Amino acid sequence: MKILVTGGGGFLGQALCRGLVARGHEVLSFNRGHYPALQALGVGQIRGDLADANAVHHATAGVDVVFHNAAKAGAWGSYDSYFQANVVGTRNVLAACRAHGIGRLVYTSTPSVTHRATHPVEGLGADEVPYGEDFQAPYAATKTIAEQEVLAANGADLATIALRPRLIWGPGDQQLLPRLAERAHAGRLRFVGDGHNKVDTTYIDNAAQAHFDAFDHLVVGAACAGKAYFISNGEPLEMRELLNRLLAAVGAPAVEKTISFKAAYRIGAVCEKLWPLLRLRGEPPMTRFLAEQLCTPHWYSMEPARRDFGYVPKVSIEEGLRRLAATHAGG
C-alpha cells in the first residue's frame, strides 16, 4: 500500500515512517526540507509547503492513505502563519484526498484543542471533553479549526480520524527535551505553580502505535470514523516528578524552583507585547498560553481508543525512561 506522511521528517513523523516501512508499505513523506534519515529508510521525499494546494495535490497522486501529521507547533508566532500551515494546509490535504479518491485520512491533532483557561480541572480522566474557547495561542485555535474540518469531512467516500497525543517524548527528540535540558543546566527552568498538577504524556513508540492501530481499524462506517481520541501512556504523573525524571534521563539537573501562575501569566503578557515591538528573535521564554498549560492538570481516559481501535500503550513510562537514558548514555 502506498502511504503519504506529511511532516515525515519530524519527531513523530519519522516514527510513523519507520513503522510503516517495517509493515511493508511504500512510504512517501511531504516535507519542507530534505531528511537523510528518511532517505536511509527508503522513504521517498517530496518537498513542498502545505499551504501550496498544487504541491499537496501532486504529493498525494497515486496514494492510498494519508497520515496528516505536519503542523506548525509552538507557543509563538503570527496567527496567519499558524492558519496557513494548520488550517489551509489541512484543507488542501482534504481537497487532495477527494480529488484523488483517497479513502482514509489519519490526522494528528492535539489535546490543546480542549484547553480552557477557566475551570481547567473539568473533564479530567473523562472520555469526552468539549472544545476549548478564548485561546491565548494561535496553535490551539488553528488546530481546533483543522480538527473540526477533518472530522466533518468523514463520509461515504473518505474515512477520517483525529488523534490527540499528549506531550510526546523519547529518544530522537530534537526539540522539547534538549531545550528543557539546556534551561535546566543554565538554572532558568521553573515550575509554574507548585508542580503538583498531574499530566499525561506519550512515549514516542506508543504515539506511533496509536496511529497504526487507528489506521488498521479505519474504514467508512467504522466505530472510530469521524471521531477524535486522546492518546497517552495512561500514566498521569505530577509535573514535578515527570519533568525531573525526564531531566535525569538525559543527564540534566533537577528543578526545584517555582514561580506563581499569576507572575508567569503577567510575564507572558509582557513578553507578548515586547517581542514584536522590539522585533526580538525566537520565542519568548513565557506566554500566557504556556503559563496556563504548565500549571493545568491534563489527563484523559484511554478507554475510547481502546474500545474503538484497540489502542493499548506497550511501553511504560518506566521502560521509556530506561530507553531514553540508554540512548543518551550511548550518544
C-alpha atoms as a PDB file:
ATOM      1  CA  MET A   1       0.000   0.000   0.000  1.00  0.00           C
ATOM      2  CA  LYS A   2       1.262   3.489  -0.839  1.00  0.00           C
ATOM      3  CA  ILE A   3       1.069   5.882   2.110  1.00  0.00           C
ATOM      4  CA  LEU A   4       1.886   9.584   2.357  1.00  0.00           C
ATOM      5  CA  VAL A   5       3.047  11.020   5.688  1.00  0.00           C
ATOM      6  CA  THR A   6       3.000  14.801   5.879  1.00  0.00           C
ATOM      7  CA  GLY A   7       5.780  16.098   8.099  1.00  0.00           C
ATOM      8  CA  GLY A   8       7.629  12.801   7.951  1.00  0.00           C
ATOM      9  CA  GLY A   9      10.900  14.462   8.916  1.00  0.00           C
ATOM     10  CA  GLY A  10       9.707  15.450  12.396  1.00  0.00           C
ATOM     11  CA  PHE A  11       9.955  13.503  15.642  1.00  0.00           C
ATOM     12  CA  LEU A  12       6.614  11.700  15.344  1.00  0.00           C
ATOM     13  CA  GLY A  13       6.770  11.770  11.544  1.00  0.00           C
ATOM     14  CA  GLN A  14       9.969   9.726  11.442  1.00  0.00           C
ATOM     15  CA  ALA A  15       8.498   7.203  13.900  1.00  0.00           C
ATOM     16  CA  LEU A  16       5.456   6.870  11.623  1.00  0.00           C
ATOM     17  CA  CYS A  17       7.643   6.400   8.555  1.00  0.00           C
ATOM     18  CA  ARG A  18       9.825   3.793  10.279  1.00  0.00           C
ATOM     19  CA  GLY A  19       6.821   1.822  11.448  1.00  0.00           C
ATOM     20  CA  LEU A  20       5.029   1.934   8.100  1.00  0.00           C
ATOM     21  CA  VAL A  21       8.152   0.827   6.228  1.00  0.00           C
ATOM     22  CA  ALA A  22       8.584  -2.020   8.724  1.00  0.00           C
ATOM     23  CA  ARG A  23       4.994  -3.038   7.974  1.00  0.00           C
ATOM     24  CA  GLY A  24       5.863  -3.385   4.300  1.00  0.00           C
ATOM     25  CA  HIS A  25       4.240  -0.244   2.910  1.00  0.00           C
ATOM     26  CA  GLU A  26       5.621   2.081   0.264  1.00  0.00           C
ATOM     27  CA  VAL A  27       6.047   5.361   2.130  1.00  0.00           C
ATOM     28  CA  LEU A  28       6.330   8.924   0.886  1.00  0.00           C
ATOM     29  CA  SER A  29       6.950  11.976   3.032  1.00  0.00           C
ATOM     30  CA  PHE A  30       5.879  15.530   2.265  1.00  0.00           C
ATOM     31  CA  ASN A  31       8.386  17.909   3.877  1.00  0.00           C
ATOM     32  CA  ARG A  32       9.673  21.441   3.560  1.00  0.00           C
ATOM     33  CA  GLY A  33      13.249  20.136   3.710  1.00  0.00           C
ATOM     34  CA  HIS A  34      15.299  17.025   2.978  1.00  0.00           C
ATOM     35  CA  TYR A  35      16.000  14.435   5.692  1.00  0.00           C
ATOM     36  CA  PRO A  36      18.862  11.914   5.361  1.00  0.00           C
ATOM     37  CA  ALA A  37      17.210   9.700   7.996  1.00  0.00           C
ATOM     38  CA  LEU A  38      14.185   9.248   5.731  1.00  0.00           C
ATOM     39  CA  GLN A  39      16.417   8.587   2.747  1.00  0.00           C
ATOM     40  CA  ALA A  40      18.175   5.841   4.734  1.00  0.00           C
ATOM     41  CA  LEU A  41      14.778   4.248   5.400  1.00  0.00           C
ATOM     42  CA  GLY A  42      13.960   4.216   1.701  1.00  0.00           C
ATOM     43  CA  VAL A  43      11.184   6.782   2.162  1.00  0.00           C
ATOM     44  CA  GLY A  44      10.517   8.910  -0.900  1.00  0.00           C
ATOM     45  CA  GLN A  45      10.595  12.625  -0.148  1.00  0.00           C
ATOM     46  CA  ILE A  46       8.528  15.321  -1.811  1.00  0.00           C
ATOM     47  CA  ARG A  47       9.430  18.879  -0.890  1.00  0.00           C
ATOM     48  CA  GLY A  48       6.730  21.485  -0.624  1.00  0.00           C
ATOM     49  CA  ASP A  49       4.564  23.685   1.574  1.00  0.00           C
ATOM     50  CA  LEU A  50       1.214  22.548   2.965  1.00  0.00           C
ATOM     51  CA  ALA A  51      -0.291  25.920   2.091  1.00  0.00           C
ATOM     52  CA  ASP A  52       0.520  25.276  -1.586  1.00  0.00           C
ATOM     53  CA  ALA A  53      -2.531  23.437  -2.927  1.00  0.00           C
ATOM     54  CA  ASN A  54      -0.760  22.368  -6.121  1.00  0.00           C
ATOM     55  CA  ALA A  55       2.153  20.884  -4.189  1.00  0.00           C
ATOM     56  CA  VAL A  56      -0.176  18.916  -1.911  1.00  0.00           C
ATOM     57  CA  HIS A  57      -2.215  17.732  -4.894  1.00  0.00           C
ATOM     58  CA  HIS A  58       0.961  16.498  -6.598  1.00  0.00           C
ATOM     59  CA  ALA A  59       2.235  14.750  -3.453  1.00  0.00           C
ATOM     60  CA  THR A  60      -0.992  12.792  -2.971  1.00  0.00           C
ATOM     61  CA  ALA A  61      -1.259  11.481  -6.540  1.00  0.00           C
ATOM     62  CA  GLY A  62      -1.431   7.673  -6.550  1.00  0.00           C
ATOM     63  CA  VAL A  63      -1.570   7.462  -2.752  1.00  0.00           C
ATOM     64  CA  ASP A  64      -3.919   5.070  -0.905  1.00  0.00           C
ATOM     65  CA  VAL A  65      -3.817   6.588   2.607  1.00  0.00           C
ATOM     66  CA  VAL A  66      -2.649   9.856   4.147  1.00  0.00           C
ATOM     67  CA  PHE A  67      -1.204  10.313   7.629  1.00  0.00           C
ATOM     68  CA  HIS A  68      -1.544  14.080   8.041  1.00  0.00           C
ATOM     69  CA  ASN A  69       0.988  14.742  10.778  1.00  0.00           C
ATOM     70  CA  ALA A  70       2.589  18.033   9.690  1.00  0.00           C
ATOM     71  CA  ALA A  71       1.695  21.235  11.521  1.00  0.00           C
ATOM     72  CA  LYS A  72       3.130  24.482  12.762  1.00  0.00           C
ATOM     73  CA  ALA A  73       3.513  23.962  16.514  1.00  0.00           C
ATOM     74  CA  GLY A  74       4.796  26.141  19.314  1.00  0.00           C
ATOM     75  CA  ALA A  75       3.590  28.923  21.557  1.00  0.00           C
ATOM     76  CA  TRP A  76       4.665  31.904  19.482  1.00  0.00           C
ATOM     77  CA  GLY A  77       4.182  33.361  16.010  1.00  0.00           C
ATOM     78  CA  SER A  78       1.641  35.241  13.937  1.00  0.00           C
ATOM     79  CA  TYR A  79      -1.879  33.906  13.666  1.00  0.00           C
ATOM     80  CA  ASP A  80      -1.625  33.905   9.879  1.00  0.00           C
ATOM     81  CA  SER A  81       1.477  31.692   9.881  1.00  0.00           C
ATOM     82  CA  TYR A  82      -0.365  29.118  12.001  1.00  0.00           C
ATOM     83  CA  PHE A  83      -3.553  29.467   9.959  1.00  0.00           C
ATOM     84  CA  GLN A  84      -1.745  28.889   6.671  1.00  0.00           C
ATOM     85  CA  ALA A  85       0.036  25.755   7.893  1.00  0.00           C
ATOM     86  CA  ASN A  86      -2.638  24.226  10.092  1.00  0.00           C
ATOM     87  CA  VAL A  87      -5.942  25.265   8.541  1.00  0.00           C
ATOM     88  CA  VAL A  88      -5.172  25.995   4.892  1.00  0.00           C
ATOM     89  CA  GLY A  89      -2.734  23.074   4.825  1.00  0.00           C
ATOM     90  CA  THR A  90      -5.350  20.694   6.205  1.00  0.00           C
ATOM     91  CA  ARG A  91      -7.960  21.981   3.759  1.00  0.00           C
ATOM     92  CA  ASN A  92      -5.513  21.297   0.943  1.00  0.00           C
ATOM     93  CA  VAL A  93      -4.958  17.740   2.207  1.00  0.00           C
ATOM     94  CA  LEU A  94      -8.713  17.130   2.408  1.00  0.00           C
ATOM     95  CA  ALA A  95      -9.245  18.535  -1.077  1.00  0.00           C
ATOM     96  CA  ALA A  96      -6.447  16.351  -2.456  1.00  0.00           C
ATOM     97  CA  CYS A  97      -7.941  13.251  -0.808  1.00  0.00           C
ATOM     98  CA  ARG A  98     -11.256  13.964  -2.507  1.00  0.00           C
ATOM     99  CA  ALA A  99      -9.640  14.732  -5.866  1.00  0.00           C
ATOM    100  CA  HIS A 100      -7.612  11.511  -5.899  1.00  0.00           C
ATOM    101  CA  GLY A 101     -10.241   9.267  -4.327  1.00  0.00           C
ATOM    102  CA  ILE A 102      -8.120   8.557  -1.244  1.00  0.00           C
ATOM    103  CA  GLY A 103     -10.311   6.665   1.204  1.00  0.00           C
ATOM    104  CA  ARG A 104      -8.544   7.070   4.572  1.00  0.00           C
ATOM    105  CA  LEU A 105      -7.031  10.002   6.462  1.00  0.00           C
ATOM    106  CA  VAL A 106      -5.379   9.685   9.884  1.00  0.00           C
ATOM    107  CA  TYR A 107      -4.932  13.168  11.337  1.00  0.00           C
ATOM    108  CA  THR A 108      -2.559  14.123  14.173  1.00  0.00           C
ATOM    109  CA  SER A 109      -4.311  16.639  16.382  1.00  0.00           C
ATOM    110  CA  THR A 110      -3.518  17.827  19.918  1.00  0.00           C
ATOM    111  CA  PRO A 111      -5.183  17.885  23.357  1.00  0.00           C
ATOM    112  CA  SER A 112      -4.666  21.660  23.221  1.00  0.00           C
ATOM    113  CA  VAL A 113      -7.917  21.885  21.253  1.00  0.00           C
ATOM    114  CA  THR A 114      -9.734  21.271  24.559  1.00  0.00           C
ATOM    115  CA  HIS A 115      -7.650  23.637  26.697  1.00  0.00           C
ATOM    116  CA  ARG A 116      -9.577  26.085  28.848  1.00  0.00           C
ATOM    117  CA  ALA A 117      -8.020  28.821  30.935  1.00  0.00           C
ATOM    118  CA  THR A 118     -11.051  28.715  33.258  1.00  0.00           C
ATOM    119  CA  HIS A 119     -12.303  25.611  35.074  1.00  0.00           C
ATOM    120  CA  PRO A 120      -9.197  23.639  33.967  1.00  0.00           C
ATOM    121  CA  VAL A 121      -9.968  20.595  36.116  1.00  0.00           C
ATOM    122  CA  GLU A 122     -13.235  19.805  34.384  1.00  0.00           C
ATOM    123  CA  GLY A 123     -13.179  16.550  32.439  1.00  0.00           C
ATOM    124  CA  LEU A 124     -10.020  15.093  33.983  1.00  0.00           C
ATOM    125  CA  GLY A 125      -9.973  11.393  33.280  1.00  0.00           C
ATOM    126  CA  ALA A 126     -13.103  11.767  31.155  1.00  0.00           C
ATOM    127  CA  ASP A 127     -13.897  10.033  27.866  1.00  0.00           C
ATOM    128  CA  GLU A 128     -15.051  13.200  26.124  1.00  0.00           C
ATOM    129  CA  VAL A 129     -14.079  16.823  26.701  1.00  0.00           C
ATOM    130  CA  PRO A 130     -15.582  19.838  24.899  1.00  0.00           C
ATOM    131  CA  TYR A 131     -13.511  22.073  22.689  1.00  0.00           C
ATOM    132  CA  GLY A 132     -11.749  24.967  24.386  1.00  0.00           C
ATOM    133  CA  GLU A 133     -12.546  28.606  23.909  1.00  0.00           C
ATOM    134  CA  ASP A 134     -10.860  32.027  24.070  1.00  0.00           C
ATOM    135  CA  PHE A 135      -7.476  30.523  23.188  1.00  0.00           C
ATOM    136  CA  GLN A 136      -4.435  32.609  24.043  1.00  0.00           C
ATOM    137  CA  ALA A 137      -2.357  30.953  21.308  1.00  0.00           C
ATOM    138  CA  PRO A 138      -2.852  30.587  17.553  1.00  0.00           C
ATOM    139  CA  TYR A 139      -1.593  26.987  17.648  1.00  0.00           C
ATOM    140  CA  ALA A 140      -4.539  25.738  19.696  1.00  0.00           C
ATOM    141  CA  ALA A 141      -7.027  27.945  17.841  1.00  0.00           C
ATOM    142  CA  THR A 142      -5.967  26.800  14.377  1.00  0.00           C
ATOM    143  CA  LYS A 143      -5.603  23.130  15.319  1.00  0.00           C
ATOM    144  CA  THR A 144      -9.176  23.270  16.628  1.00  0.00           C
ATOM    145  CA  ILE A 145     -10.462  24.537  13.285  1.00  0.00           C
ATOM    146  CA  ALA A 146      -8.435  21.919  11.420  1.00  0.00           C
ATOM    147  CA  GLU A 147      -9.593  19.031  13.600  1.00  0.00           C
ATOM    148  CA  GLN A 148     -13.228  20.033  13.273  1.00  0.00           C
ATOM    149  CA  GLU A 149     -12.920  20.174   9.479  1.00  0.00           C
ATOM    150  CA  VAL A 150     -11.185  16.787   9.338  1.00  0.00           C
ATOM    151  CA  LEU A 151     -13.970  15.165  11.353  1.00  0.00           C
ATOM    152  CA  ALA A 152     -16.660  16.932   9.320  1.00  0.00           C
ATOM    153  CA  ALA A 153     -15.072  15.529   6.135  1.00  0.00           C
ATOM    154  CA  ASN A 154     -15.744  11.963   7.253  1.00  0.00           C
ATOM    155  CA  GLY A 155     -18.326  10.383   4.969  1.00  0.00           C
ATOM    156  CA  ALA A 156     -19.179   7.732   2.427  1.00  0.00           C
ATOM    157  CA  ASP A 157     -16.000   8.220   0.373  1.00  0.00           C
ATOM    158  CA  LEU A 158     -13.452   9.317   2.959  1.00  0.00           C
ATOM    159  CA  ALA A 159     -12.995   7.907   6.470  1.00  0.00           C
ATOM    160  CA  THR A 160     -11.201  10.272   8.839  1.00  0.00           C
ATOM    161  CA  ILE A 161      -9.984  10.090  12.415  1.00  0.00           C
ATOM    162  CA  ALA A 162      -8.187  12.595  14.676  1.00  0.00           C
ATOM    163  CA  LEU A 163      -5.690  11.543  17.346  1.00  0.00           C
ATOM    164  CA  ARG A 164      -4.628  13.832  20.185  1.00  0.00           C
ATOM    165  CA  PRO A 165      -1.318  12.541  21.592  1.00  0.00           C
ATOM    166  CA  ARG A 166      -0.332  14.301  24.797  1.00  0.00           C
ATOM    167  CA  LEU A 167       3.277  15.551  25.143  1.00  0.00           C
ATOM    168  CA  ILE A 168       5.311  13.084  23.051  1.00  0.00           C
ATOM    169  CA  TRP A 169       8.810  12.272  24.331  1.00  0.00           C
ATOM    170  CA  GLY A 170      11.559   9.706  23.916  1.00  0.00           C
ATOM    171  CA  PRO A 171      14.834   9.012  22.073  1.00  0.00           C
ATOM    172  CA  GLY A 172      15.248  11.064  18.920  1.00  0.00           C
ATOM    173  CA  ASP A 173      13.515  14.193  20.216  1.00  0.00           C
ATOM    174  CA  GLN A 174      15.468  17.188  18.920  1.00  0.00           C
ATOM    175  CA  GLN A 175      13.154  19.883  20.276  1.00  0.00           C
ATOM    176  CA  LEU A 176      11.421  19.553  23.652  1.00  0.00           C
ATOM    177  CA  LEU A 177      13.880  17.630  25.817  1.00  0.00           C
ATOM    178  CA  PRO A 178      17.051  19.346  24.534  1.00  0.00           C
ATOM    179  CA  ARG A 179      15.517  22.759  25.236  1.00  0.00           C
ATOM    180  CA  LEU A 180      14.406  21.733  28.711  1.00  0.00           C
ATOM    181  CA  ALA A 181      17.820  20.268  29.493  1.00  0.00           C
ATOM    182  CA  GLU A 182      19.562  23.426  28.268  1.00  0.00           C
ATOM    183  CA  ARG A 183      17.417  25.609  30.508  1.00  0.00           C
ATOM    184  CA  ALA A 184      17.900  23.273  33.463  1.00  0.00           C
ATOM    185  CA  HIS A 185      21.698  23.394  33.060  1.00  0.00           C
ATOM    186  CA  ALA A 186      21.511  27.198  32.894  1.00  0.00           C
ATOM    187  CA  GLY A 187      19.335  27.366  36.006  1.00  0.00           C
ATOM    188  CA  ARG A 188      16.500  29.021  34.057  1.00  0.00           C
ATOM    189  CA  LEU A 189      13.801  26.372  34.492  1.00  0.00           C
ATOM    190  CA  ARG A 190      10.907  26.858  36.913  1.00  0.00           C
ATOM    191  CA  PHE A 191       7.671  25.109  37.747  1.00  0.00           C
ATOM    192  CA  VAL A 192       4.636  27.268  37.141  1.00  0.00           C
ATOM    193  CA  GLY A 193       2.630  26.806  40.319  1.00  0.00           C
ATOM    194  CA  ASP A 194       3.686  24.131  42.806  1.00  0.00           C
ATOM    195  CA  GLY A 195       4.359  21.465  40.166  1.00  0.00           C
ATOM    196  CA  HIS A 196       1.815  19.059  41.631  1.00  0.00           C
ATOM    197  CA  ASN A 197      -0.586  19.256  38.678  1.00  0.00           C
ATOM    198  CA  LYS A 198      -0.994  15.807  37.117  1.00  0.00           C
ATOM    199  CA  VAL A 199      -0.293  15.438  33.400  1.00  0.00           C
ATOM    200  CA  ASP A 200      -0.341  12.640  30.849  1.00  0.00           C
ATOM    201  CA  THR A 201       2.477  12.073  28.378  1.00  0.00           C
ATOM    202  CA  THR A 202       3.057   9.745  25.444  1.00  0.00           C
ATOM    203  CA  TYR A 203       6.198   7.753  24.745  1.00  0.00           C
ATOM    204  CA  ILE A 204       7.105   8.085  21.070  1.00  0.00           C
ATOM    205  CA  ASP A 205       6.573   4.406  20.187  1.00  0.00           C
ATOM    206  CA  ASN A 206       3.123   4.486  21.783  1.00  0.00           C
ATOM    207  CA  ALA A 207       2.175   7.621  19.849  1.00  0.00           C
ATOM    208  CA  ALA A 208       3.128   5.910  16.591  1.00  0.00           C
ATOM    209  CA  GLN A 209       1.382   2.688  17.630  1.00  0.00           C
ATOM    210  CA  ALA A 210      -1.869   4.585  18.217  1.00  0.00           C
ATOM    211  CA  HIS A 211      -1.707   5.889  14.652  1.00  0.00           C
ATOM    212  CA  PHE A 212      -1.143   2.373  13.290  1.00  0.00           C
ATOM    213  CA  ASP A 213      -3.989   0.943  15.370  1.00  0.00           C
ATOM    214  CA  ALA A 214      -6.310   3.679  14.118  1.00  0.00           C
ATOM    215  CA  PHE A 215      -5.202   3.065  10.530  1.00  0.00           C
ATOM    216  CA  ASP A 216      -5.875  -0.677  10.861  1.00  0.00           C
ATOM    217  CA  HIS A 217      -9.453  -0.066  12.024  1.00  0.00           C
ATOM    218  CA  LEU A 218     -10.334   2.985   9.934  1.00  0.00           C
ATOM    219  CA  VAL A 219     -12.820   2.272   7.159  1.00  0.00           C
ATOM    220  CA  VAL A 220     -16.008   4.013   6.098  1.00  0.00           C
ATOM    221  CA  GLY A 221     -18.614   3.390   8.779  1.00  0.00           C
ATOM    222  CA  ALA A 222     -16.144   2.159  11.413  1.00  0.00           C
ATOM    223  CA  ALA A 223     -16.787   2.994  15.065  1.00  0.00           C
ATOM    224  CA  CYS A 224     -13.738   5.271  15.084  1.00  0.00           C
ATOM    225  CA  ALA A 225     -14.522   7.117  11.841  1.00  0.00           C
ATOM    226  CA  GLY A 226     -15.302  10.799  12.235  1.00  0.00           C
ATOM    227  CA  LYS A 227     -14.160  10.907  15.868  1.00  0.00           C
ATOM    228  CA  ALA A 228     -11.284  12.351  17.901  1.00  0.00           C
ATOM    229  CA  TYR A 229      -9.351  10.425  20.558  1.00  0.00           C
ATOM    230  CA  PHE A 230      -6.975  11.360  23.359  1.00  0.00           C
ATOM    231  CA  ILE A 231      -3.752   9.361  23.234  1.00  0.00           C
ATOM    232  CA  SER A 232      -1.217   8.960  26.042  1.00  0.00           C
ATOM    233  CA  ASN A 233       0.601   6.412  28.179  1.00  0.00           C
ATOM    234  CA  GLY A 234      -2.353   6.456  30.564  1.00  0.00           C
ATOM    235  CA  GLU A 235       0.042   7.014  33.481  1.00  0.00           C
ATOM    236  CA  PRO A 236      -0.546  10.579  34.735  1.00  0.00           C
ATOM    237  CA  LEU A 237       2.243  11.933  36.916  1.00  0.00           C
ATOM    238  CA  GLU A 238       2.703  15.185  38.777  1.00  0.00           C
ATOM    239  CA  MET A 239       4.558  17.711  36.636  1.00  0.00           C
ATOM    240  CA  ARG A 240       7.312  17.922  39.245  1.00  0.00           C
ATOM    241  CA  GLU A 241       8.014  14.179  39.151  1.00  0.00           C
ATOM    242  CA  LEU A 242       7.643  13.889  35.380  1.00  0.00           C
ATOM    243  CA  LEU A 243       9.973  16.749  34.491  1.00  0.00           C
ATOM    244  CA  ASN A 244      12.702  15.767  36.915  1.00  0.00           C
ATOM    245  CA  ARG A 245      12.641  12.127  35.790  1.00  0.00           C
ATOM    246  CA  LEU A 246      12.949  13.214  32.155  1.00  0.00           C
ATOM    247  CA  LEU A 247      15.804  15.579  33.025  1.00  0.00           C
ATOM    248  CA  ALA A 248      17.587  12.844  34.985  1.00  0.00           C
ATOM    249  CA  ALA A 249      17.339  10.516  31.997  1.00  0.00           C
ATOM    250  CA  VAL A 250      19.251  12.991  29.824  1.00  0.00           C
ATOM    251  CA  GLY A 251      21.778  13.942  32.498  1.00  0.00           C
ATOM    252  CA  ALA A 252      20.338  17.339  33.380  1.00  0.00           C
ATOM    253  CA  PRO A 253      19.950  18.730  36.922  1.00  0.00           C
ATOM    254  CA  ALA A 254      16.642  18.548  38.767  1.00  0.00           C
ATOM    255  CA  VAL A 255      14.386  21.581  39.044  1.00  0.00           C
ATOM    256  CA  GLU A 256      13.109  22.767  42.417  1.00  0.00           C
ATOM    257  CA  LYS A 257      12.324  26.459  41.972  1.00  0.00           C
ATOM    258  CA  THR A 258       8.788  27.670  41.282  1.00  0.00           C
ATOM    259  CA  ILE A 259       7.010  30.754  40.016  1.00  0.00           C
ATOM    260  CA  SER A 260       3.384  31.532  40.736  1.00  0.00           C
ATOM    261  CA  PHE A 261       0.838  31.271  37.942  1.00  0.00           C
ATOM    262  CA  LYS A 262      -0.067  34.963  38.297  1.00  0.00           C
ATOM    263  CA  ALA A 263       3.559  36.018  37.955  1.00  0.00           C
ATOM    264  CA  ALA A 264       4.164  33.707  34.987  1.00  0.00           C
ATOM    265  CA  TYR A 265       0.979  34.907  33.297  1.00  0.00           C
ATOM    266  CA  ARG A 266       1.970  38.553  33.733  1.00  0.00           C
ATOM    267  CA  ILE A 267       5.462  37.867  32.412  1.00  0.00           C
ATOM    268  CA  GLY A 268       3.900  36.098  29.442  1.00  0.00           C
ATOM    269  CA  ALA A 269       1.647  39.076  28.710  1.00  0.00           C
ATOM    270  CA  VAL A 270       4.633  41.446  28.842  1.00  0.00           C
ATOM    271  CA  CYS A 271       6.708  39.177  26.574  1.00  0.00           C
ATOM    272  CA  GLU A 272       3.882  39.016  24.037  1.00  0.00           C
ATOM    273  CA  LYS A 273       3.961  42.810  23.788  1.00  0.00           C
ATOM    274  CA  LEU A 274       7.737  43.287  23.828  1.00  0.00           C
ATOM    275  CA  TRP A 275       8.745  40.622  21.293  1.00  0.00           C
ATOM    276  CA  PRO A 276       7.005  42.181  18.262  1.00  0.00           C
ATOM    277  CA  LEU A 277       7.564  45.726  19.487  1.00  0.00           C
ATOM    278  CA  LEU A 278      11.327  45.253  19.805  1.00  0.00           C
ATOM    279  CA  ARG A 279      11.444  42.753  16.934  1.00  0.00           C
ATOM    280  CA  LEU A 280      13.147  40.182  19.128  1.00  0.00           C
ATOM    281  CA  ARG A 281      14.086  36.875  17.558  1.00  0.00           C
ATOM    282  CA  GLY A 282      12.997  33.425  18.653  1.00  0.00           C
ATOM    283  CA  GLU A 283      10.227  32.504  21.042  1.00  0.00           C
ATOM    284  CA  PRO A 284       9.746  34.433  24.289  1.00  0.00           C
ATOM    285  CA  PRO A 285      10.545  32.469  27.468  1.00  0.00           C
ATOM    286  CA  MET A 286       6.908  32.705  28.563  1.00  0.00           C
ATOM    287  CA  THR A 287       3.482  33.378  27.050  1.00  0.00           C
ATOM    288  CA  ARG A 288       0.034  33.466  28.660  1.00  0.00           C
ATOM    289  CA  PHE A 289      -0.968  30.203  26.973  1.00  0.00           C
ATOM    290  CA  LEU A 290       2.254  28.498  28.077  1.00  0.00           C
ATOM    291  CA  ALA A 291       1.696  29.636  31.668  1.00  0.00           C
ATOM    292  CA  GLU A 292      -1.800  28.140  31.563  1.00  0.00           C
ATOM    293  CA  GLN A 293      -0.552  24.888  30.056  1.00  0.00           C
ATOM    294  CA  LEU A 294       2.267  24.403  32.543  1.00  0.00           C
ATOM    295  CA  CYS A 295       0.140  24.737  35.674  1.00  0.00           C
ATOM    296  CA  THR A 296      -3.014  22.958  34.435  1.00  0.00           C
ATOM    297  CA  PRO A 297      -3.790  19.270  35.065  1.00  0.00           C
ATOM    298  CA  HIS A 298      -4.034  17.333  31.773  1.00  0.00           C
ATOM    299  CA  TRP A 299      -5.058  13.685  31.805  1.00  0.00           C
ATOM    300  CA  TYR A 300      -7.808  11.835  29.999  1.00  0.00           C
ATOM    301  CA  SER A 301      -9.299   8.378  29.575  1.00  0.00           C
ATOM    302  CA  MET A 302      -7.801   5.976  27.043  1.00  0.00           C
ATOM    303  CA  GLU A 303     -10.918   3.799  27.138  1.00  0.00           C
ATOM    304  CA  PRO A 304     -12.478   5.188  23.906  1.00  0.00           C
ATOM    305  CA  ALA A 305      -9.278   4.493  21.946  1.00  0.00           C
ATOM    306  CA  ARG A 306      -9.017   1.005  23.423  1.00  0.00           C
ATOM    307  CA  ARG A 307     -12.662   0.269  22.717  1.00  0.00           C
ATOM    308  CA  ASP A 308     -12.850   1.617  19.153  1.00  0.00           C
ATOM    309  CA  PHE A 309      -9.460   0.653  17.696  1.00  0.00           C
ATOM    310  CA  GLY A 310      -7.628  -1.414  20.279  1.00  0.00           C
ATOM    311  CA  TYR A 311      -5.030   1.103  21.433  1.00  0.00           C
ATOM    312  CA  VAL A 312      -3.137  -0.135  24.485  1.00  0.00           C
ATOM    313  CA  PRO A 313       0.219   1.524  25.303  1.00  0.00           C
ATOM    314  CA  LYS A 314       3.001  -1.045  25.023  1.00  0.00           C
ATOM    315  CA  VAL A 315       5.899   0.950  26.509  1.00  0.00           C
ATOM    316  CA  SER A 316       5.517   2.117  30.107  1.00  0.00           C
ATOM    317  CA  ILE A 317       6.958   5.397  31.343  1.00  0.00           C
ATOM    318  CA  GLU A 318       9.499   3.396  33.373  1.00  0.00           C
ATOM    319  CA  GLU A 319      10.667   1.485  30.292  1.00  0.00           C
ATOM    320  CA  GLY A 320      10.616   4.630  28.165  1.00  0.00           C
ATOM    321  CA  LEU A 321      12.846   6.445  30.658  1.00  0.00           C
ATOM    322  CA  ARG A 322      15.235   3.487  30.668  1.00  0.00           C
ATOM    323  CA  ARG A 323      15.453   3.596  26.866  1.00  0.00           C
ATOM    324  CA  LEU A 324      15.896   7.364  26.892  1.00  0.00           C
ATOM    325  CA  ALA A 325      18.721   7.163  29.441  1.00  0.00           C
ATOM    326  CA  ALA A 326      20.430   4.367  27.488  1.00  0.00           C
ATOM    327  CA  THR A 327      20.271   6.371  24.282  1.00  0.00           C
ATOM    328  CA  HIS A 328      21.631   9.481  25.999  1.00  0.00           C
ATOM    329  CA  ALA A 329      24.472   7.499  27.609  1.00  0.00           C
ATOM    330  CA  GLY A 330      25.324   5.916  24.283  1.00  0.00           C
ATOM    331  CA  GLY A 331      25.191   9.210  22.406  1.00  0.00           C
END
